[in-house]
Amino acid sequence: MINMFHQCPACGGNLIITECKCARCQLQMRGEFHPGTFATLSTDQLTFIKVFLSARGNLTEMERVLGISYPTIRNKLDEINVALDQSDENKPAGDEPAVPSEEDRRSILQRVSGGQLSAAEALQKLQKSQGGKL
């Protein structure tokens, strides 16, 4: 099977998968599906990750299995990390936690200053509106 590509061959934009079909029962699903994080990696990078995992991260074992030097292994790991970071940057905006509007933040802070809300409750509301991050 050919690896799925993740960018438009014409313009380089991100692709959205719109249909999936089960090979066994022929169930078809339509919607918006986005490729996973590792879909952006090349076959060589995926093979490297498989070897890394089978060697349980032991770089000496990887040197032996792949026949490459320690600096080359480090360079490949750096290359994979960069590719994964870029795939995170290219995620659709819908995957980002919502940021509270300035109006919502101001309202929460006014409720704290008016004694209607404790600081801990305000912090919890602000964190909740940002997907647990502040």
N, C-alpha and C. Protein backbone atom coordinates (compact mmCIF):
# COMPACT_ATOMS: atom_id res chain seq x y z
N MET A 1 0.84 -1.17 0.00
CA MET A 1 0.00 0.00 0.00
C MET A 1 0.89 1.24 0.00
N ILE A 2 0.50 2.24 -0.76
CA ILE A 2 1.24 3.50 -0.83
C ILE A 2 0.91 4.34 0.39
N ASN A 3 1.94 4.97 0.96
CA ASN A 3 1.69 5.87 2.08
C ASN A 3 0.82 7.03 1.64
N MET A 4 -0.09 7.42 2.52
CA MET A 4 -0.97 8.52 2.22
C MET A 4 -0.17 9.82 2.23
N PHE A 5 -0.41 10.67 1.27
CA PHE A 5 0.27 11.95 1.28
C PHE A 5 -0.57 12.95 2.06
N HIS A 6 0.07 13.97 2.60
CA HIS A 6 -0.61 14.89 3.50
C HIS A 6 -0.68 16.32 2.96
N GLN A 7 -0.06 16.55 1.80
CA GLN A 7 -0.11 17.88 1.20
C GLN A 7 -0.60 17.78 -0.23
N CYS A 8 -1.30 18.81 -0.68
CA CYS A 8 -1.81 18.87 -2.04
C CYS A 8 -0.64 18.87 -3.02
N PRO A 9 -0.65 17.99 -4.01
CA PRO A 9 0.45 17.97 -4.97
C PRO A 9 0.48 19.21 -5.86
N ALA A 10 -0.63 19.93 -5.96
CA ALA A 10 -0.68 21.12 -6.81
C ALA A 10 -0.21 22.37 -6.09
N CYS A 11 -0.72 22.62 -4.87
CA CYS A 11 -0.41 23.89 -4.19
C CYS A 11 0.35 23.73 -2.88
N GLY A 12 0.46 22.50 -2.36
CA GLY A 12 1.17 22.28 -1.10
C GLY A 12 0.33 22.47 0.14
N GLY A 13 -0.96 22.76 -0.02
CA GLY A 13 -1.85 22.95 1.12
C GLY A 13 -2.11 21.64 1.85
N ASN A 14 -2.62 21.75 3.09
CA ASN A 14 -2.94 20.57 3.87
C ASN A 14 -4.17 19.87 3.29
N LEU A 15 -4.12 18.56 3.23
CA LEU A 15 -5.24 17.78 2.71
C LEU A 15 -6.18 17.38 3.84
N ILE A 16 -7.45 17.30 3.52
CA ILE A 16 -8.47 16.80 4.44
C ILE A 16 -9.06 15.56 3.80
N ILE A 17 -9.05 14.47 4.52
CA ILE A 17 -9.62 13.22 4.03
C ILE A 17 -11.13 13.32 4.24
N THR A 18 -11.90 13.03 3.20
CA THR A 18 -13.35 13.20 3.30
C THR A 18 -14.13 11.90 3.28
N GLU A 19 -13.47 10.79 2.98
CA GLU A 19 -14.19 9.51 2.94
C GLU A 19 -13.28 8.37 3.34
N CYS A 20 -13.81 7.44 4.13
CA CYS A 20 -13.10 6.23 4.53
C CYS A 20 -14.03 5.04 4.26
N LYS A 21 -13.44 3.90 3.90
CA LYS A 21 -14.23 2.71 3.61
C LYS A 21 -13.55 1.49 4.21
N CYS A 22 -14.34 0.65 4.87
CA CYS A 22 -13.83 -0.58 5.46
C CYS A 22 -13.65 -1.62 4.36
N ALA A 23 -12.48 -2.23 4.30
CA ALA A 23 -12.21 -3.24 3.28
C ALA A 23 -13.01 -4.52 3.54
N ARG A 24 -13.37 -4.77 4.79
CA ARG A 24 -14.06 -6.01 5.13
C ARG A 24 -15.58 -5.91 4.94
N CYS A 25 -16.20 -4.91 5.56
CA CYS A 25 -17.68 -4.86 5.52
C CYS A 25 -18.22 -3.80 4.58
N GLN A 26 -17.32 -3.04 3.95
CA GLN A 26 -17.68 -2.01 2.98
C GLN A 26 -18.39 -0.80 3.59
N LEU A 27 -18.37 -0.66 4.91
CA LEU A 27 -18.94 0.52 5.55
C LEU A 27 -18.20 1.75 5.03
N GLN A 28 -18.96 2.78 4.65
CA GLN A 28 -18.36 4.02 4.19
C GLN A 28 -18.69 5.13 5.17
N MET A 29 -17.67 5.95 5.46
CA MET A 29 -17.87 7.08 6.37
C MET A 29 -17.44 8.34 5.63
N ARG A 30 -18.26 9.36 5.72
CA ARG A 30 -17.92 10.64 5.12
C ARG A 30 -17.87 11.70 6.21
N GLY A 31 -16.92 12.59 6.08
CA GLY A 31 -16.75 13.66 7.06
C GLY A 31 -15.40 14.31 6.83
N GLU A 32 -14.87 14.94 7.85
CA GLU A 32 -13.53 15.53 7.79
C GLU A 32 -12.62 14.74 8.70
N PHE A 33 -11.63 14.08 8.11
CA PHE A 33 -10.66 13.29 8.85
C PHE A 33 -9.28 13.86 8.55
N HIS A 34 -8.46 14.00 9.56
CA HIS A 34 -7.13 14.55 9.37
C HIS A 34 -6.09 13.47 9.62
N PRO A 35 -5.03 13.42 8.79
CA PRO A 35 -4.00 12.41 8.98
C PRO A 35 -3.34 12.56 10.34
N GLY A 36 -2.89 11.46 10.90
CA GLY A 36 -2.23 11.51 12.20
C GLY A 36 -0.86 12.16 12.12
N THR A 37 -0.28 12.39 13.26
CA THR A 37 1.01 13.07 13.36
C THR A 37 2.09 12.36 12.55
N PHE A 38 2.12 11.05 12.59
CA PHE A 38 3.19 10.30 11.95
C PHE A 38 2.99 10.15 10.44
N ALA A 39 1.85 10.57 9.91
CA ALA A 39 1.60 10.48 8.47
C ALA A 39 2.54 11.38 7.68
N THR A 40 3.11 12.38 8.33
CA THR A 40 4.01 13.31 7.63
C THR A 40 5.43 12.77 7.51
N LEU A 41 5.74 11.68 8.21
CA LEU A 41 7.09 11.14 8.19
C LEU A 41 7.32 10.28 6.94
N SER A 42 8.55 10.29 6.47
CA SER A 42 8.92 9.46 5.32
C SER A 42 9.01 8.00 5.74
N THR A 43 9.07 7.11 4.76
CA THR A 43 9.22 5.68 5.04
C THR A 43 10.51 5.42 5.81
N ASP A 44 11.60 6.10 5.43
CA ASP A 44 12.88 5.94 6.13
C ASP A 44 12.78 6.38 7.58
N GLN A 45 12.08 7.49 7.82
CA GLN A 45 11.93 7.97 9.20
C GLN A 45 11.10 7.01 10.03
N LEU A 46 10.05 6.45 9.45
CA LEU A 46 9.22 5.48 10.17
C LEU A 46 10.01 4.21 10.48
N THR A 47 10.81 3.76 9.53
CA THR A 47 11.65 2.59 9.75
C THR A 47 12.64 2.86 10.88
N PHE A 48 13.22 4.05 10.89
CA PHE A 48 14.16 4.43 11.94
C PHE A 48 13.47 4.39 13.31
N ILE A 49 12.25 4.91 13.38
CA ILE A 49 11.50 4.89 14.65
C ILE A 49 11.23 3.46 15.09
N LYS A 50 10.88 2.57 14.15
CA LYS A 50 10.63 1.16 14.50
C LYS A 50 11.88 0.52 15.08
N VAL A 51 13.03 0.78 14.46
CA VAL A 51 14.29 0.23 14.96
C VAL A 51 14.60 0.82 16.34
N PHE A 52 14.39 2.12 16.50
CA PHE A 52 14.61 2.79 17.77
C PHE A 52 13.78 2.15 18.88
N LEU A 53 12.51 1.89 18.58
CA LEU A 53 11.63 1.28 19.57
C LEU A 53 12.03 -0.17 19.86
N SER A 54 12.38 -0.92 18.82
CA SER A 54 12.77 -2.32 19.06
C SER A 54 14.08 -2.41 19.84
N ALA A 55 14.94 -1.39 19.69
CA ALA A 55 16.19 -1.34 20.46
C ALA A 55 15.97 -0.67 21.82
N ARG A 56 14.71 -0.31 22.10
CA ARG A 56 14.33 0.34 23.35
C ARG A 56 15.16 1.59 23.63
N GLY A 57 15.49 2.31 22.55
CA GLY A 57 16.22 3.56 22.69
C GLY A 57 17.71 3.41 22.94
N ASN A 58 18.20 2.18 22.89
CA ASN A 58 19.63 1.94 23.12
C ASN A 58 20.38 2.32 21.84
N LEU A 59 21.09 3.45 21.90
CA LEU A 59 21.76 3.96 20.70
C LEU A 59 22.92 3.07 20.26
N THR A 60 23.57 2.40 21.20
CA THR A 60 24.64 1.47 20.84
C THR A 60 24.07 0.31 20.01
N GLU A 61 22.92 -0.19 20.42
CA GLU A 61 22.26 -1.26 19.67
C GLU A 61 21.84 -0.75 18.29
N MET A 62 21.38 0.49 18.22
CA MET A 62 20.99 1.05 16.91
C MET A 62 22.19 1.18 15.99
N GLU A 63 23.34 1.58 16.56
CA GLU A 63 24.57 1.66 15.76
C GLU A 63 24.88 0.30 15.13
N ARG A 64 24.73 -0.74 15.96
CA ARG A 64 25.03 -2.10 15.49
C ARG A 64 24.04 -2.55 14.43
N VAL A 65 22.74 -2.36 14.68
CA VAL A 65 21.70 -2.83 13.76
C VAL A 65 21.73 -2.07 12.44
N LEU A 66 21.85 -0.75 12.51
CA LEU A 66 21.78 0.07 11.30
C LEU A 66 23.13 0.28 10.62
N GLY A 67 24.20 0.01 11.36
CA GLY A 67 25.53 0.20 10.79
C GLY A 67 25.86 1.67 10.56
N ILE A 68 25.35 2.53 11.42
CA ILE A 68 25.63 3.96 11.31
C ILE A 68 26.19 4.48 12.63
N SER A 69 26.85 5.65 12.57
CA SER A 69 27.51 6.19 13.75
C SER A 69 26.53 6.90 14.69
N TYR A 70 27.00 7.12 15.91
CA TYR A 70 26.20 7.82 16.92
C TYR A 70 25.77 9.21 16.43
N PRO A 71 26.68 10.02 15.85
CA PRO A 71 26.26 11.35 15.36
C PRO A 71 25.17 11.26 14.27
N THR A 72 25.25 10.23 13.43
CA THR A 72 24.23 10.06 12.39
C THR A 72 22.88 9.74 13.02
N ILE A 73 22.90 8.90 14.06
CA ILE A 73 21.66 8.57 14.77
C ILE A 73 21.07 9.83 15.40
N ARG A 74 21.90 10.63 16.05
CA ARG A 74 21.43 11.88 16.65
C ARG A 74 20.84 12.81 15.58
N ASN A 75 21.50 12.90 14.43
CA ASN A 75 21.00 13.76 13.35
C ASN A 75 19.63 13.28 12.85
N LYS A 76 19.48 11.96 12.73
CA LYS A 76 18.20 11.42 12.28
C LYS A 76 17.10 11.69 13.31
N LEU A 77 17.43 11.56 14.59
CA LEU A 77 16.45 11.87 15.64
C LEU A 77 16.06 13.34 15.59
N ASP A 78 17.03 14.22 15.38
CA ASP A 78 16.74 15.65 15.26
C ASP A 78 15.84 15.92 14.06
N GLU A 79 16.13 15.27 12.95
CA GLU A 79 15.34 15.43 11.72
C GLU A 79 13.88 15.00 11.95
N ILE A 80 13.69 13.89 12.65
CA ILE A 80 12.34 13.40 12.95
C ILE A 80 11.62 14.36 13.89
N ASN A 81 12.32 14.86 14.90
CA ASN A 81 11.71 15.82 15.82
C ASN A 81 11.26 17.08 15.09
N VAL A 82 12.07 17.57 14.16
CA VAL A 82 11.70 18.76 13.38
C VAL A 82 10.45 18.46 12.54
N ALA A 83 10.43 17.30 11.90
CA ALA A 83 9.27 16.93 11.08
C ALA A 83 8.00 16.83 11.92
N LEU A 84 8.10 16.26 13.12
CA LEU A 84 6.94 16.14 13.98
C LEU A 84 6.49 17.50 14.51
N ASP A 85 7.45 18.38 14.83
CA ASP A 85 7.09 19.73 15.27
C ASP A 85 6.37 20.48 14.16
N GLN A 86 6.82 20.31 12.93
CA GLN A 86 6.17 20.99 11.80
C GLN A 86 4.77 20.44 11.57
N SER A 87 4.59 19.14 11.79
CA SER A 87 3.25 18.57 11.61
C SER A 87 2.31 19.11 12.67
N ASP A 88 2.82 19.37 13.89
CA ASP A 88 2.00 19.97 14.94
C ASP A 88 1.59 21.39 14.56
N GLU A 89 2.51 22.13 13.93
CA GLU A 89 2.21 23.50 13.50
C GLU A 89 1.16 23.54 12.40
N ASN A 90 1.08 22.48 11.60
CA ASN A 90 0.15 22.44 10.48
C ASN A 90 -1.20 21.85 10.81
N LYS A 91 -1.44 21.56 12.10
CA LYS A 91 -2.74 21.01 12.50
C LYS A 91 -3.82 22.03 12.22
N PRO A 92 -5.02 21.57 11.88
CA PRO A 92 -6.12 22.49 11.65
C PRO A 92 -6.42 23.31 12.91
N ALA A 93 -6.89 24.52 12.71
CA ALA A 93 -7.15 25.43 13.82
C ALA A 93 -8.17 24.86 14.80
N GLY A 94 -9.06 23.99 14.36
CA GLY A 94 -10.08 23.42 15.23
C GLY A 94 -9.51 22.55 16.33
N ASP A 95 -8.25 22.11 16.20
CA ASP A 95 -7.63 21.28 17.21
C ASP A 95 -7.05 22.11 18.36
N GLU A 96 -6.99 23.43 18.19
CA GLU A 96 -6.44 24.31 19.22
C GLU A 96 -7.48 24.59 20.28
N PRO A 97 -7.08 24.67 21.55
CA PRO A 97 -8.04 25.03 22.58
C PRO A 97 -8.53 26.45 22.37
N ALA A 98 -9.77 26.69 22.71
CA ALA A 98 -10.35 28.02 22.56
C ALA A 98 -9.69 28.98 23.54
N VAL A 99 -9.41 30.18 23.07
CA VAL A 99 -8.85 31.22 23.92
C VAL A 99 -10.01 32.11 24.35
N PRO A 100 -10.12 32.41 25.66
CA PRO A 100 -11.24 33.23 26.09
C PRO A 100 -11.13 34.63 25.49
N SER A 101 -12.26 35.19 25.14
CA SER A 101 -12.24 36.54 24.58
C SER A 101 -11.85 37.52 25.67
N GLU A 102 -11.41 38.70 25.25
CA GLU A 102 -11.04 39.75 26.21
C GLU A 102 -12.24 40.09 27.09
N GLU A 103 -13.42 40.07 26.49
CA GLU A 103 -14.65 40.38 27.23
C GLU A 103 -14.90 39.33 28.32
N ASP A 104 -14.72 38.04 28.00
CA ASP A 104 -14.90 36.98 29.00
C ASP A 104 -13.90 37.12 30.14
N ARG A 105 -12.65 37.39 29.78
CA ARG A 105 -11.61 37.54 30.81
C ARG A 105 -11.93 38.72 31.73
N ARG A 106 -12.34 39.82 31.12
CA ARG A 106 -12.67 41.02 31.90
C ARG A 106 -13.84 40.74 32.83
N SER A 107 -14.84 40.01 32.31
CA SER A 107 -16.02 39.68 33.12
C SER A 107 -15.64 38.84 34.34
N ILE A 108 -14.78 37.85 34.11
CA ILE A 108 -14.33 36.99 35.21
C ILE A 108 -13.57 37.81 36.25
N LEU A 109 -12.69 38.69 35.80
CA LEU A 109 -11.91 39.51 36.72
C LEU A 109 -12.79 40.49 37.49
N GLN A 110 -13.81 41.03 36.84
CA GLN A 110 -14.75 41.93 37.53
C GLN A 110 -15.52 41.18 38.61
N ARG A 111 -15.90 39.94 38.33
CA ARG A 111 -16.61 39.14 39.32
C ARG A 111 -15.73 38.85 40.53
N VAL A 112 -14.40 38.67 40.28
CA VAL A 112 -13.46 38.47 41.39
C VAL A 112 -13.38 39.74 42.22
N SER A 113 -13.21 40.89 41.55
CA SER A 113 -13.08 42.16 42.30
C SER A 113 -14.37 42.52 43.02
N GLY A 114 -15.52 42.05 42.52
CA GLY A 114 -16.80 42.31 43.18
C GLY A 114 -17.12 41.30 44.27
N GLY A 115 -16.23 40.31 44.48
CA GLY A 115 -16.44 39.33 45.52
C GLY A 115 -17.41 38.22 45.13
N GLN A 116 -17.82 38.16 43.90
CA GLN A 116 -18.77 37.13 43.44
C GLN A 116 -18.06 35.83 43.09
N LEU A 117 -16.74 35.89 42.93
CA LEU A 117 -15.96 34.74 42.48
C LEU A 117 -14.62 34.76 43.20
N SER A 118 -14.19 33.60 43.69
CA SER A 118 -12.87 33.55 44.34
C SER A 118 -11.79 33.51 43.26
N ALA A 119 -10.58 33.80 43.66
CA ALA A 119 -9.45 33.77 42.72
C ALA A 119 -9.26 32.35 42.17
N ALA A 120 -9.44 31.35 43.03
CA ALA A 120 -9.29 29.96 42.59
C ALA A 120 -10.35 29.59 41.55
N GLU A 121 -11.59 30.05 41.79
CA GLU A 121 -12.67 29.77 40.84
C GLU A 121 -12.41 30.48 39.51
N ALA A 122 -11.90 31.70 39.58
CA ALA A 122 -11.58 32.46 38.36
C ALA A 122 -10.50 31.75 37.56
N LEU A 123 -9.47 31.29 38.26
CA LEU A 123 -8.39 30.57 37.60
C LEU A 123 -8.92 29.31 36.93
N GLN A 124 -9.79 28.60 37.62
CA GLN A 124 -10.38 27.38 37.07
C GLN A 124 -11.18 27.70 35.80
N LYS A 125 -11.97 28.78 35.83
CA LYS A 125 -12.76 29.17 34.65
C LYS A 125 -11.87 29.54 33.48
N LEU A 126 -10.80 30.28 33.77
CA LEU A 126 -9.87 30.68 32.70
C LEU A 126 -9.15 29.47 32.11
N GLN A 127 -8.73 28.55 32.97
CA GLN A 127 -8.07 27.33 32.50
C GLN A 127 -9.02 26.49 31.67
N LYS A 128 -10.25 26.36 32.12
CA LYS A 128 -11.25 25.57 31.42
C LYS A 128 -11.48 26.12 30.02
N SER A 129 -11.51 27.44 29.90
CA SER A 129 -11.76 28.05 28.60
C SER A 129 -10.57 27.93 27.66
N GLN A 130 -9.41 27.53 28.19
CA GLN A 130 -8.24 27.34 27.36
C GLN A 130 -7.82 25.88 27.31
N GLY A 131 -8.74 24.98 27.51
CA GLY A 131 -8.43 23.56 27.42
C GLY A 131 -7.49 23.07 28.49
N GLY A 132 -7.52 23.68 29.69
CA GLY A 132 -6.68 23.24 30.80
C GLY A 132 -5.33 23.90 30.85
N LYS A 133 -5.01 24.77 29.88
CA LYS A 133 -3.72 25.45 29.86
C LYS A 133 -3.94 26.93 30.11
N LEU A 134 -3.01 27.53 30.79
CA LEU A 134 -3.08 28.96 31.00
C LEU A 134 -1.72 29.56 30.81
